[in-house]
Amino acid sequence: MAQIFHRSVNSIATLSIVGAGLGAGLLLAFAYSMDRGHYITDVKVVKEQPVPFSHKHHVSDDGIDCRYCHTSVETSSFAGIPATEICMSCHSQIWSNAEMLEPVRSSFRTGESLEWTRIHDLPDFVYFNHSIHINKGIGCATCHGRVDQMPLMYKENTLYMNWCIQCHRNPENYVRPRDQVFNMAYEPPANQQELGLKLVQEYKIQSLTDCNTCHR
């Protein structure tokens, strides 16, 4: 019986299978890269704001504590966006005629709130409580990065679930003394594991990884 297919078909079939496998792998790698890239996560992406507010200037240069503006961070699930009155407590006296601050002055005159663009905006199906994390010894910089070095605000971490779970599974790697929570320059000590385990016990920190911890 005559041979139907040429012998080269075997090679072509093998190459096709290998090529399909490589293509699928490359596609998955590309999709993973896209999902972790700044174009999806917004990590390191500066958002346009009504006023180009510099945390670096206010925190590092002027020494303003986080809680002066984010007044409810220790007692509420929401850290709080500063009211215009807080801004004007300083800027009614300094830089009072600066053009870039006109939206602030206008807000103060009219009583209409400034519409800030959220940088850390979790999905509606995620519950997060700032006060719990603060009171359990999790520093601002752990999630938000070195805000004191950001001329304009951006997201430092993805805030993806697997990123959060790392801390929930091993809180001893991230917890710090409560009096250092708002210290942006805090560096974990060489004995972080030893200190962390001690603080986990002292602060009664639980390793909560059940779905209903965040998805309520």
N, C-alpha and C. Protein backbone atom coordinates (compact mmCIF):
# COMPACT_ATOMS: atom_id res chain seq x y z
N MET A 1 0.85 -1.19 0.00
CA MET A 1 0.00 0.00 0.00
C MET A 1 0.89 1.25 0.00
N ALA A 2 0.56 2.18 -0.85
CA ALA A 2 1.37 3.40 -0.99
C ALA A 2 1.25 4.26 0.26
N GLN A 3 2.35 4.92 0.64
CA GLN A 3 2.36 5.80 1.81
C GLN A 3 1.59 7.07 1.50
N ILE A 4 0.63 7.40 2.40
CA ILE A 4 -0.24 8.55 2.16
C ILE A 4 0.47 9.86 2.48
N PHE A 5 1.10 9.91 3.67
CA PHE A 5 1.75 11.14 4.10
C PHE A 5 3.26 11.03 3.92
N HIS A 6 3.84 12.13 3.57
CA HIS A 6 5.29 12.19 3.44
C HIS A 6 5.94 12.07 4.82
N ARG A 7 7.13 11.52 4.88
CA ARG A 7 7.81 11.32 6.16
C ARG A 7 8.02 12.65 6.92
N SER A 8 8.10 13.73 6.22
CA SER A 8 8.33 15.03 6.86
C SER A 8 7.16 15.45 7.75
N VAL A 9 6.00 14.81 7.51
CA VAL A 9 4.82 15.15 8.31
C VAL A 9 5.06 14.85 9.78
N ASN A 10 5.80 13.78 10.08
CA ASN A 10 6.11 13.45 11.47
C ASN A 10 6.87 14.59 12.16
N SER A 11 7.84 15.12 11.45
CA SER A 11 8.62 16.23 12.00
C SER A 11 7.76 17.47 12.18
N ILE A 12 6.92 17.70 11.19
CA ILE A 12 6.04 18.87 11.24
C ILE A 12 5.07 18.76 12.42
N ALA A 13 4.52 17.54 12.62
CA ALA A 13 3.59 17.32 13.73
C ALA A 13 4.28 17.54 15.07
N THR A 14 5.50 17.02 15.19
CA THR A 14 6.26 17.20 16.44
C THR A 14 6.53 18.66 16.71
N LEU A 15 6.98 19.38 15.68
CA LEU A 15 7.26 20.80 15.82
C LEU A 15 5.99 21.59 16.16
N SER A 16 4.88 21.16 15.57
CA SER A 16 3.61 21.85 15.84
C SER A 16 3.20 21.69 17.30
N ILE A 17 3.35 20.47 17.84
CA ILE A 17 2.99 20.21 19.23
C ILE A 17 3.89 21.01 20.17
N VAL A 18 5.21 20.98 19.88
CA VAL A 18 6.16 21.74 20.70
C VAL A 18 5.85 23.23 20.62
N GLY A 19 5.59 23.71 19.41
CA GLY A 19 5.29 25.12 19.21
C GLY A 19 4.03 25.54 19.94
N ALA A 20 3.00 24.67 19.91
CA ALA A 20 1.75 24.97 20.61
C ALA A 20 1.99 25.05 22.12
N GLY A 21 2.80 24.13 22.62
CA GLY A 21 3.12 24.14 24.06
C GLY A 21 3.87 25.40 24.46
N LEU A 22 4.87 25.75 23.65
CA LEU A 22 5.63 26.97 23.93
C LEU A 22 4.75 28.20 23.83
N GLY A 23 3.88 28.21 22.82
CA GLY A 23 2.98 29.35 22.64
C GLY A 23 2.04 29.53 23.83
N ALA A 24 1.50 28.39 24.32
CA ALA A 24 0.61 28.46 25.48
C ALA A 24 1.36 28.96 26.70
N GLY A 25 2.62 28.48 26.86
CA GLY A 25 3.43 28.93 27.99
C GLY A 25 3.73 30.41 27.92
N LEU A 26 4.08 30.87 26.71
CA LEU A 26 4.36 32.30 26.53
C LEU A 26 3.12 33.14 26.77
N LEU A 27 1.97 32.62 26.34
CA LEU A 27 0.71 33.35 26.55
C LEU A 27 0.40 33.49 28.03
N LEU A 28 0.61 32.39 28.77
CA LEU A 28 0.37 32.44 30.22
C LEU A 28 1.35 33.39 30.90
N ALA A 29 2.62 33.35 30.46
CA ALA A 29 3.62 34.25 31.04
C ALA A 29 3.27 35.71 30.75
N PHE A 30 2.79 35.97 29.54
CA PHE A 30 2.39 37.32 29.16
C PHE A 30 1.19 37.79 29.99
N ALA A 31 0.21 36.88 30.17
CA ALA A 31 -0.97 37.22 30.96
C ALA A 31 -0.59 37.50 32.41
N TYR A 32 0.33 36.69 32.95
CA TYR A 32 0.78 36.89 34.33
C TYR A 32 1.51 38.22 34.45
N SER A 33 2.35 38.52 33.46
CA SER A 33 3.09 39.78 33.47
C SER A 33 2.14 40.96 33.39
N MET A 34 1.12 40.85 32.54
CA MET A 34 0.12 41.91 32.42
C MET A 34 -0.60 42.13 33.75
N ASP A 35 -0.95 41.02 34.42
CA ASP A 35 -1.71 41.10 35.66
C ASP A 35 -0.88 41.73 36.77
N ARG A 36 0.45 41.58 36.70
CA ARG A 36 1.33 42.13 37.74
C ARG A 36 1.96 43.45 37.31
N GLY A 37 1.71 43.87 36.10
CA GLY A 37 2.32 45.09 35.59
C GLY A 37 1.60 46.34 36.07
N HIS A 38 2.29 47.47 35.98
CA HIS A 38 1.73 48.72 36.49
C HIS A 38 0.49 49.16 35.73
N TYR A 39 0.35 48.69 34.46
CA TYR A 39 -0.82 49.09 33.67
C TYR A 39 -2.09 48.45 34.19
N ILE A 40 -1.97 47.40 35.02
CA ILE A 40 -3.13 46.79 35.66
C ILE A 40 -3.19 47.15 37.13
N THR A 41 -2.06 47.08 37.83
CA THR A 41 -2.04 47.28 39.28
C THR A 41 -1.97 48.75 39.68
N ASP A 42 -1.53 49.61 38.78
CA ASP A 42 -1.32 51.04 39.09
C ASP A 42 -0.16 51.28 40.06
N VAL A 43 0.66 50.26 40.29
CA VAL A 43 1.82 50.42 41.17
C VAL A 43 2.79 51.41 40.52
N LYS A 44 3.26 52.37 41.31
CA LYS A 44 4.19 53.41 40.89
C LYS A 44 3.58 54.42 39.91
N VAL A 45 2.28 54.35 39.70
CA VAL A 45 1.62 55.27 38.76
C VAL A 45 1.06 56.46 39.52
N VAL A 46 1.52 57.64 39.18
CA VAL A 46 1.03 58.87 39.82
C VAL A 46 -0.28 59.27 39.17
N LYS A 47 -1.29 59.55 40.01
CA LYS A 47 -2.60 59.96 39.50
C LYS A 47 -2.74 61.48 39.58
N GLU A 48 -3.45 62.02 38.62
CA GLU A 48 -3.69 63.46 38.62
C GLU A 48 -4.64 63.83 39.75
N GLN A 49 -4.31 64.89 40.47
CA GLN A 49 -5.12 65.34 41.60
C GLN A 49 -5.51 66.80 41.40
N PRO A 50 -6.55 67.27 42.09
CA PRO A 50 -6.95 68.67 41.95
C PRO A 50 -5.85 69.62 42.44
N VAL A 51 -5.03 69.14 43.37
CA VAL A 51 -3.88 69.90 43.88
C VAL A 51 -2.70 68.94 43.95
N PRO A 52 -1.53 69.32 43.43
CA PRO A 52 -0.37 68.42 43.46
C PRO A 52 0.24 68.33 44.86
N PHE A 53 -0.44 67.60 45.72
CA PHE A 53 -0.03 67.50 47.13
C PHE A 53 1.21 66.64 47.27
N SER A 54 2.21 67.12 47.98
CA SER A 54 3.45 66.39 48.19
C SER A 54 3.55 65.88 49.62
N HIS A 55 3.47 64.56 49.77
CA HIS A 55 3.68 63.98 51.09
C HIS A 55 5.13 64.19 51.53
N LYS A 56 6.04 64.14 50.58
CA LYS A 56 7.46 64.32 50.91
C LYS A 56 7.68 65.67 51.59
N HIS A 57 7.09 66.70 51.03
CA HIS A 57 7.26 68.04 51.60
C HIS A 57 6.61 68.15 52.98
N HIS A 58 5.38 67.67 53.09
CA HIS A 58 4.64 67.84 54.34
C HIS A 58 5.16 66.91 55.44
N VAL A 59 5.54 65.69 55.09
CA VAL A 59 5.98 64.73 56.10
C VAL A 59 7.47 64.89 56.41
N SER A 60 8.30 64.82 55.38
CA SER A 60 9.76 64.89 55.61
C SER A 60 10.24 66.29 55.93
N ASP A 61 9.84 67.26 55.11
CA ASP A 61 10.34 68.63 55.30
C ASP A 61 9.69 69.34 56.49
N ASP A 62 8.36 69.19 56.60
CA ASP A 62 7.64 69.92 57.64
C ASP A 62 7.39 69.11 58.91
N GLY A 63 7.62 67.79 58.82
CA GLY A 63 7.48 66.96 60.01
C GLY A 63 6.06 66.75 60.48
N ILE A 64 5.10 66.81 59.57
CA ILE A 64 3.69 66.64 59.95
C ILE A 64 3.38 65.15 60.09
N ASP A 65 2.81 64.79 61.21
CA ASP A 65 2.44 63.40 61.50
C ASP A 65 1.24 62.98 60.65
N CYS A 66 1.21 61.70 60.28
CA CYS A 66 0.11 61.17 59.45
C CYS A 66 -1.25 61.51 60.05
N ARG A 67 -1.35 61.42 61.38
CA ARG A 67 -2.64 61.56 62.06
C ARG A 67 -3.18 62.98 62.05
N TYR A 68 -2.32 63.96 61.73
CA TYR A 68 -2.80 65.33 61.68
C TYR A 68 -3.81 65.51 60.55
N CYS A 69 -3.56 64.81 59.43
CA CYS A 69 -4.46 64.90 58.28
C CYS A 69 -5.43 63.71 58.23
N HIS A 70 -4.90 62.52 58.49
CA HIS A 70 -5.74 61.31 58.46
C HIS A 70 -6.24 61.05 59.88
N THR A 71 -7.23 61.83 60.27
CA THR A 71 -7.62 61.92 61.67
C THR A 71 -8.28 60.67 62.24
N SER A 72 -8.88 59.84 61.40
CA SER A 72 -9.64 58.70 61.91
C SER A 72 -8.90 57.38 61.76
N VAL A 73 -7.63 57.42 61.38
CA VAL A 73 -6.91 56.18 61.06
C VAL A 73 -6.78 55.25 62.26
N GLU A 74 -6.77 55.79 63.47
CA GLU A 74 -6.61 54.95 64.66
C GLU A 74 -7.93 54.43 65.23
N THR A 75 -9.03 54.98 64.77
CA THR A 75 -10.32 54.65 65.38
C THR A 75 -11.38 54.16 64.39
N SER A 76 -11.06 54.23 63.11
CA SER A 76 -12.07 53.91 62.10
C SER A 76 -11.50 52.99 61.03
N SER A 77 -12.40 52.35 60.30
CA SER A 77 -11.96 51.51 59.19
C SER A 77 -11.38 52.35 58.07
N PHE A 78 -11.78 53.61 58.01
CA PHE A 78 -11.33 54.51 56.95
C PHE A 78 -10.33 55.51 57.53
N ALA A 79 -9.20 55.67 56.86
CA ALA A 79 -8.15 56.56 57.38
C ALA A 79 -8.58 58.01 57.38
N GLY A 80 -9.49 58.34 56.50
CA GLY A 80 -9.99 59.71 56.43
C GLY A 80 -9.23 60.57 55.44
N ILE A 81 -9.95 61.32 54.64
CA ILE A 81 -9.35 62.27 53.71
C ILE A 81 -9.43 63.65 54.37
N PRO A 82 -8.34 64.37 54.42
CA PRO A 82 -8.33 65.65 55.16
C PRO A 82 -9.41 66.61 54.68
N ALA A 83 -10.09 67.20 55.64
CA ALA A 83 -11.05 68.25 55.31
C ALA A 83 -10.29 69.49 54.88
N THR A 84 -10.93 70.31 54.07
CA THR A 84 -10.30 71.54 53.60
C THR A 84 -9.85 72.42 54.76
N GLU A 85 -10.61 72.38 55.86
CA GLU A 85 -10.26 73.19 57.03
C GLU A 85 -8.88 72.82 57.58
N ILE A 86 -8.53 71.53 57.46
CA ILE A 86 -7.22 71.10 57.93
C ILE A 86 -6.12 71.73 57.08
N CYS A 87 -6.33 71.73 55.78
CA CYS A 87 -5.35 72.35 54.88
C CYS A 87 -5.23 73.85 55.18
N MET A 88 -6.37 74.48 55.38
CA MET A 88 -6.37 75.93 55.58
C MET A 88 -5.87 76.35 56.95
N SER A 89 -5.77 75.42 57.89
CA SER A 89 -5.23 75.78 59.19
C SER A 89 -3.79 76.26 59.05
N CYS A 90 -3.11 75.78 58.01
CA CYS A 90 -1.76 76.27 57.70
C CYS A 90 -1.78 77.27 56.55
N HIS A 91 -2.51 76.92 55.50
CA HIS A 91 -2.41 77.70 54.26
C HIS A 91 -3.25 78.97 54.23
N SER A 92 -3.90 79.27 55.33
CA SER A 92 -4.49 80.61 55.45
C SER A 92 -3.41 81.61 55.86
N GLN A 93 -2.24 81.04 56.29
CA GLN A 93 -1.15 81.90 56.76
C GLN A 93 0.11 81.78 55.89
N ILE A 94 0.38 80.58 55.35
CA ILE A 94 1.57 80.40 54.51
C ILE A 94 1.13 79.94 53.12
N TRP A 95 1.82 80.45 52.11
CA TRP A 95 1.47 80.19 50.71
C TRP A 95 -0.01 80.50 50.47
N SER A 96 -0.48 81.52 51.12
CA SER A 96 -1.92 81.84 51.07
C SER A 96 -2.37 82.37 49.72
N ASN A 97 -1.42 82.78 48.89
CA ASN A 97 -1.78 83.29 47.56
C ASN A 97 -1.24 82.43 46.43
N ALA A 98 -0.70 81.26 46.77
CA ALA A 98 -0.13 80.38 45.74
C ALA A 98 -1.22 79.94 44.75
N GLU A 99 -0.91 80.04 43.47
CA GLU A 99 -1.89 79.72 42.45
C GLU A 99 -2.33 78.26 42.52
N MET A 100 -1.38 77.37 42.79
CA MET A 100 -1.71 75.94 42.80
C MET A 100 -2.68 75.58 43.94
N LEU A 101 -2.78 76.46 44.95
CA LEU A 101 -3.66 76.18 46.07
C LEU A 101 -5.03 76.84 45.94
N GLU A 102 -5.31 77.43 44.80
CA GLU A 102 -6.60 78.07 44.59
C GLU A 102 -7.76 77.08 44.75
N PRO A 103 -7.64 75.82 44.26
CA PRO A 103 -8.74 74.87 44.50
C PRO A 103 -9.04 74.66 45.98
N VAL A 104 -8.01 74.72 46.81
CA VAL A 104 -8.21 74.57 48.26
C VAL A 104 -8.96 75.78 48.80
N ARG A 105 -8.53 76.96 48.41
CA ARG A 105 -9.19 78.18 48.89
C ARG A 105 -10.64 78.25 48.39
N SER A 106 -10.83 77.81 47.15
CA SER A 106 -12.18 77.80 46.59
C SER A 106 -13.08 76.84 47.36
N SER A 107 -12.54 75.69 47.70
CA SER A 107 -13.29 74.70 48.48
C SER A 107 -13.67 75.28 49.85
N PHE A 108 -12.75 76.02 50.43
CA PHE A 108 -12.99 76.62 51.75
C PHE A 108 -14.07 77.70 51.67
N ARG A 109 -14.01 78.46 50.57
CA ARG A 109 -15.00 79.54 50.41
C ARG A 109 -16.40 78.99 50.16
N THR A 110 -16.48 78.00 49.31
CA THR A 110 -17.79 77.51 48.86
C THR A 110 -18.33 76.37 49.72
N GLY A 111 -17.46 75.70 50.46
CA GLY A 111 -17.90 74.54 51.24
C GLY A 111 -18.01 73.28 50.41
N GLU A 112 -17.59 73.37 49.15
CA GLU A 112 -17.65 72.20 48.26
C GLU A 112 -16.34 71.41 48.38
N SER A 113 -16.45 70.13 48.68
CA SER A 113 -15.27 69.30 48.92
C SER A 113 -14.44 69.13 47.65
N LEU A 114 -13.14 69.05 47.85
CA LEU A 114 -12.24 68.71 46.75
C LEU A 114 -12.44 67.24 46.37
N GLU A 115 -12.39 66.94 45.10
CA GLU A 115 -12.58 65.57 44.64
C GLU A 115 -11.21 64.94 44.37
N TRP A 116 -10.64 64.35 45.42
CA TRP A 116 -9.35 63.68 45.30
C TRP A 116 -9.51 62.35 44.59
N THR A 117 -8.51 61.96 43.85
CA THR A 117 -8.50 60.65 43.19
C THR A 117 -7.93 59.62 44.15
N ARG A 118 -8.69 58.56 44.42
CA ARG A 118 -8.22 57.54 45.35
C ARG A 118 -7.02 56.81 44.76
N ILE A 119 -6.00 56.63 45.57
CA ILE A 119 -4.81 55.88 45.16
C ILE A 119 -4.93 54.43 45.60
N HIS A 120 -5.31 54.23 46.84
CA HIS A 120 -5.50 52.88 47.38
C HIS A 120 -7.00 52.63 47.46
N ASP A 121 -7.53 52.07 46.40
CA ASP A 121 -8.98 51.90 46.28
C ASP A 121 -9.30 50.42 46.15
N LEU A 122 -9.62 49.78 47.27
CA LEU A 122 -9.91 48.35 47.25
C LEU A 122 -11.27 48.09 46.62
N PRO A 123 -11.46 46.90 46.03
CA PRO A 123 -12.78 46.55 45.47
C PRO A 123 -13.85 46.55 46.55
N ASP A 124 -15.09 46.71 46.14
CA ASP A 124 -16.19 46.78 47.09
C ASP A 124 -16.37 45.47 47.87
N PHE A 125 -15.88 44.36 47.31
CA PHE A 125 -16.07 43.07 48.00
C PHE A 125 -14.96 42.79 49.02
N VAL A 126 -14.10 43.76 49.24
CA VAL A 126 -13.01 43.59 50.21
C VAL A 126 -13.23 44.53 51.40
N TYR A 127 -13.20 43.96 52.60
CA TYR A 127 -13.33 44.75 53.82
C TYR A 127 -11.95 44.95 54.42
N PHE A 128 -11.60 46.20 54.69
CA PHE A 128 -10.32 46.51 55.31
C PHE A 128 -10.53 47.54 56.40
N ASN A 129 -9.96 47.30 57.56
CA ASN A 129 -10.11 48.21 58.69
C ASN A 129 -8.75 48.77 59.08
N HIS A 130 -8.56 50.07 58.86
CA HIS A 130 -7.28 50.70 59.20
C HIS A 130 -6.98 50.60 60.70
N SER A 131 -7.97 50.88 61.52
CA SER A 131 -7.72 50.96 62.96
C SER A 131 -7.21 49.65 63.54
N ILE A 132 -7.74 48.52 63.05
CA ILE A 132 -7.30 47.22 63.55
C ILE A 132 -5.82 47.01 63.24
N HIS A 133 -5.43 47.30 62.01
CA HIS A 133 -4.03 47.10 61.62
C HIS A 133 -3.09 48.03 62.37
N ILE A 134 -3.51 49.28 62.55
CA ILE A 134 -2.69 50.25 63.28
C ILE A 134 -2.49 49.80 64.72
N ASN A 135 -3.58 49.38 65.36
CA ASN A 135 -3.51 49.00 66.77
C ASN A 135 -2.85 47.64 66.99
N LYS A 136 -2.68 46.88 65.92
CA LYS A 136 -1.96 45.61 66.02
C LYS A 136 -0.49 45.76 65.66
N GLY A 137 -0.05 47.00 65.41
CA GLY A 137 1.37 47.24 65.19
C GLY A 137 1.84 47.11 63.75
N ILE A 138 0.95 47.33 62.80
CA ILE A 138 1.34 47.32 61.39
C ILE A 138 1.56 48.76 60.94
N GLY A 139 2.77 49.05 60.52
CA GLY A 139 3.14 50.42 60.18
C GLY A 139 2.51 50.90 58.88
N CYS A 140 2.32 52.20 58.78
CA CYS A 140 1.77 52.81 57.56
C CYS A 140 2.61 52.43 56.34
N ALA A 141 3.93 52.49 56.49
CA ALA A 141 4.83 52.24 55.36
C ALA A 141 4.79 50.80 54.88
N THR A 142 4.34 49.87 55.74
CA THR A 142 4.27 48.47 55.35
C THR A 142 3.35 48.29 54.14
N CYS A 143 2.25 49.01 54.14
CA CYS A 143 1.31 48.91 53.03
C CYS A 143 1.48 50.05 52.01
N HIS A 144 1.71 51.25 52.52
CA HIS A 144 1.72 52.43 51.65
C HIS A 144 3.10 52.81 51.14
N GLY A 145 4.15 52.14 51.65
CA GLY A 145 5.49 52.49 51.22
C GLY A 145 5.99 53.75 51.90
N ARG A 146 7.16 54.19 51.49
CA ARG A 146 7.77 55.38 52.09
C ARG A 146 7.10 56.64 51.57
N VAL A 147 5.92 56.90 52.09
CA VAL A 147 5.13 58.06 51.69
C VAL A 147 5.92 59.35 51.87
N ASP A 148 6.78 59.35 52.89
CA ASP A 148 7.56 60.55 53.19
C ASP A 148 8.59 60.87 52.12
N GLN A 149 8.75 59.97 51.15
CA GLN A 149 9.69 60.19 50.05
C GLN A 149 8.98 60.36 48.72
N MET A 150 7.68 60.52 48.74
CA MET A 150 6.89 60.62 47.51
C MET A 150 6.48 62.08 47.26
N PRO A 151 7.09 62.74 46.28
CA PRO A 151 6.67 64.10 45.93
C PRO A 151 5.20 64.13 45.50
N LEU A 152 4.80 63.09 44.77
CA LEU A 152 3.40 62.91 44.41
C LEU A 152 3.02 61.48 44.77
N MET A 153 1.80 61.29 45.21
CA MET A 153 1.39 60.01 45.77
C MET A 153 1.16 58.95 44.70
N TYR A 154 1.61 57.74 44.99
CA TYR A 154 1.34 56.59 44.12
C TYR A 154 1.23 55.34 44.98
N LYS A 155 0.75 54.27 44.38
CA LYS A 155 0.60 53.00 45.09
C LYS A 155 1.93 52.25 45.07
N GLU A 156 2.37 51.81 46.24
CA GLU A 156 3.64 51.11 46.37
C GLU A 156 3.48 49.61 46.18
N ASN A 157 2.35 49.06 46.60
CA ASN A 157 2.11 47.61 46.53
C ASN A 157 0.81 47.33 45.79
N THR A 158 0.70 46.11 45.27
CA THR A 158 -0.48 45.76 44.47
C THR A 158 -1.76 45.72 45.30
N LEU A 159 -1.64 45.36 46.58
CA LEU A 159 -2.78 45.11 47.46
C LEU A 159 -3.60 43.92 46.99
N TYR A 160 -2.99 43.06 46.17
CA TYR A 160 -3.64 41.83 45.76
C TYR A 160 -3.79 40.92 46.98
N MET A 161 -4.71 39.98 46.89
CA MET A 161 -4.99 39.09 48.02
C MET A 161 -3.74 38.31 48.44
N ASN A 162 -2.99 37.79 47.46
CA ASN A 162 -1.81 37.00 47.84
C ASN A 162 -0.76 37.85 48.56
N TRP A 163 -0.75 39.15 48.27
CA TRP A 163 0.17 40.06 48.96
C TRP A 163 -0.28 40.24 50.41
N CYS A 164 -1.57 40.43 50.63
CA CYS A 164 -2.10 40.59 51.99
C CYS A 164 -1.91 39.31 52.81
N ILE A 165 -2.15 38.16 52.16
CA ILE A 165 -2.08 36.86 52.85
C ILE A 165 -0.68 36.60 53.40
N GLN A 166 0.35 37.09 52.74
CA GLN A 166 1.71 36.90 53.24
C GLN A 166 1.83 37.41 54.67
N CYS A 167 1.25 38.55 54.94
CA CYS A 167 1.29 39.14 56.27
C CYS A 167 0.36 38.41 57.23
N HIS A 168 -0.82 38.04 56.75
CA HIS A 168 -1.78 37.35 57.61
C HIS A 168 -1.26 35.99 58.05
N ARG A 169 -0.50 35.34 57.19
CA ARG A 169 0.04 34.03 57.54
C ARG A 169 1.23 34.14 58.49
N ASN A 170 2.04 35.16 58.30
CA ASN A 170 3.25 35.32 59.11
C ASN A 170 3.37 36.75 59.63
N PRO A 171 2.45 37.15 60.51
CA PRO A 171 2.46 38.54 61.01
C PRO A 171 3.74 38.91 61.75
N GLU A 172 4.44 37.92 62.29
CA GLU A 172 5.68 38.23 63.04
C GLU A 172 6.75 38.85 62.15
N ASN A 173 6.63 38.68 60.84
CA ASN A 173 7.61 39.26 59.92
C ASN A 173 7.37 40.75 59.68
N TYR A 174 6.19 41.24 60.06
CA TYR A 174 5.82 42.61 59.69
C TYR A 174 5.45 43.50 60.88
N VAL A 175 5.04 42.89 61.99
CA VAL A 175 4.60 43.70 63.13
C VAL A 175 5.76 44.49 63.72
N ARG A 176 5.45 45.66 64.22
CA ARG A 176 6.46 46.52 64.85
C ARG A 176 5.87 47.08 66.15
N PRO A 177 6.70 47.63 67.03
CA PRO A 177 6.16 48.25 68.25
C PRO A 177 5.15 49.34 67.91
N ARG A 178 4.11 49.46 68.69
CA ARG A 178 3.04 50.42 68.39
C ARG A 178 3.55 51.85 68.30
N ASP A 179 4.58 52.16 69.09
CA ASP A 179 5.08 53.53 69.06
C ASP A 179 5.91 53.83 67.81
N GLN A 180 6.06 52.82 66.95
CA GLN A 180 6.80 53.01 65.70
C GLN A 180 5.91 52.91 64.46
N VAL A 181 4.61 52.74 64.69
CA VAL A 181 3.68 52.55 63.56
C VAL A 181 3.73 53.71 62.57
N PHE A 182 3.84 54.94 63.08
CA PHE A 182 3.80 56.12 62.21
C PHE A 182 5.20 56.63 61.87
N ASN A 183 6.20 55.86 62.23
CA ASN A 183 7.58 56.22 61.90
C ASN A 183 7.92 55.69 60.51
N MET A 184 7.98 56.61 59.55
CA MET A 184 8.21 56.20 58.18
C MET A 184 9.61 55.62 57.96
N ALA A 185 10.55 56.03 58.76
CA ALA A 185 11.94 55.60 58.58
C ALA A 185 12.27 54.33 59.37
N TYR A 186 11.28 53.73 60.00
CA TYR A 186 11.53 52.53 60.82
C TYR A 186 12.09 51.40 59.98
N GLU A 187 13.11 50.75 60.49
CA GLU A 187 13.71 49.60 59.83
C GLU A 187 13.59 48.40 60.75
N PRO A 188 13.14 47.24 60.24
CA PRO A 188 13.05 46.05 61.09
C PRO A 188 14.41 45.69 61.66
N PRO A 189 14.48 45.35 62.93
CA PRO A 189 15.76 45.00 63.54
C PRO A 189 16.27 43.64 63.07
N ALA A 190 17.51 43.34 63.40
CA ALA A 190 18.10 42.06 63.00
C ALA A 190 17.34 40.90 63.63
N ASN A 191 16.78 41.12 64.80
CA ASN A 191 16.03 40.05 65.48
C ASN A 191 14.53 40.18 65.27
N GLN A 192 14.13 40.57 64.05
CA GLN A 192 12.71 40.80 63.77
C GLN A 192 11.85 39.58 64.12
N GLN A 193 12.33 38.38 63.80
CA GLN A 193 11.55 37.17 64.10
C GLN A 193 11.27 37.05 65.59
N GLU A 194 12.32 37.24 66.39
CA GLU A 194 12.19 37.13 67.84
C GLU A 194 11.26 38.22 68.38
N LEU A 195 11.51 39.46 67.94
CA LEU A 195 10.67 40.58 68.37
C LEU A 195 9.24 40.39 67.89
N GLY A 196 9.09 39.98 66.62
CA GLY A 196 7.77 39.81 66.03
C GLY A 196 6.93 38.79 66.78
N LEU A 197 7.52 37.66 67.12
CA LEU A 197 6.80 36.62 67.85
C LEU A 197 6.36 37.13 69.23
N LYS A 198 7.22 37.92 69.85
CA LYS A 198 6.89 38.51 71.15
C LYS A 198 5.72 39.48 71.02
N LEU A 199 5.75 40.34 69.96
CA LEU A 199 4.69 41.33 69.76
C LEU A 199 3.38 40.66 69.35
N VAL A 200 3.47 39.60 68.56
CA VAL A 200 2.26 38.86 68.17
C VAL A 200 1.53 38.36 69.40
N GLN A 201 2.28 37.86 70.35
CA GLN A 201 1.68 37.38 71.59
C GLN A 201 1.16 38.54 72.44
N GLU A 202 1.96 39.59 72.54
CA GLU A 202 1.58 40.73 73.37
C GLU A 202 0.35 41.45 72.83
N TYR A 203 0.29 41.62 71.49
CA TYR A 203 -0.83 42.33 70.87
C TYR A 203 -2.01 41.42 70.53
N LYS A 204 -1.85 40.13 70.88
CA LYS A 204 -2.91 39.14 70.61
C LYS A 204 -3.29 39.11 69.13
N ILE A 205 -2.27 39.04 68.29
CA ILE A 205 -2.49 39.00 66.83
C ILE A 205 -2.80 37.57 66.40
N GLN A 206 -3.88 37.42 65.65
CA GLN A 206 -4.27 36.11 65.13
C GLN A 206 -3.87 36.01 63.66
N SER A 207 -3.52 34.81 63.24
CA SER A 207 -3.21 34.58 61.83
C SER A 207 -4.51 34.27 61.11
N LEU A 208 -5.22 35.30 60.71
CA LEU A 208 -6.54 35.14 60.11
C LEU A 208 -6.45 35.00 58.60
N THR A 209 -6.80 33.83 58.10
CA THR A 209 -6.75 33.60 56.65
C THR A 209 -8.07 33.08 56.11
N ASP A 210 -9.12 33.04 56.95
CA ASP A 210 -10.42 32.61 56.46
C ASP A 210 -10.99 33.64 55.48
N CYS A 211 -11.73 33.18 54.51
CA CYS A 211 -12.28 34.07 53.48
C CYS A 211 -13.10 35.21 54.09
N ASN A 212 -13.91 34.87 55.14
CA ASN A 212 -14.81 35.88 55.69
C ASN A 212 -14.09 36.94 56.51
N THR A 213 -12.78 36.81 56.69
CA THR A 213 -12.03 37.87 57.37
C THR A 213 -12.09 39.16 56.56
N CYS A 214 -11.96 39.04 55.26
CA CYS A 214 -11.95 40.21 54.37
C CYS A 214 -13.17 40.28 53.47
N HIS A 215 -13.77 39.13 53.16
CA HIS A 215 -14.91 39.12 52.25
C HIS A 215 -16.17 38.88 53.06
N ARG A 216 -16.84 39.98 53.41
CA ARG A 216 -18.02 39.89 54.29
C ARG A 216 -19.30 40.26 53.55
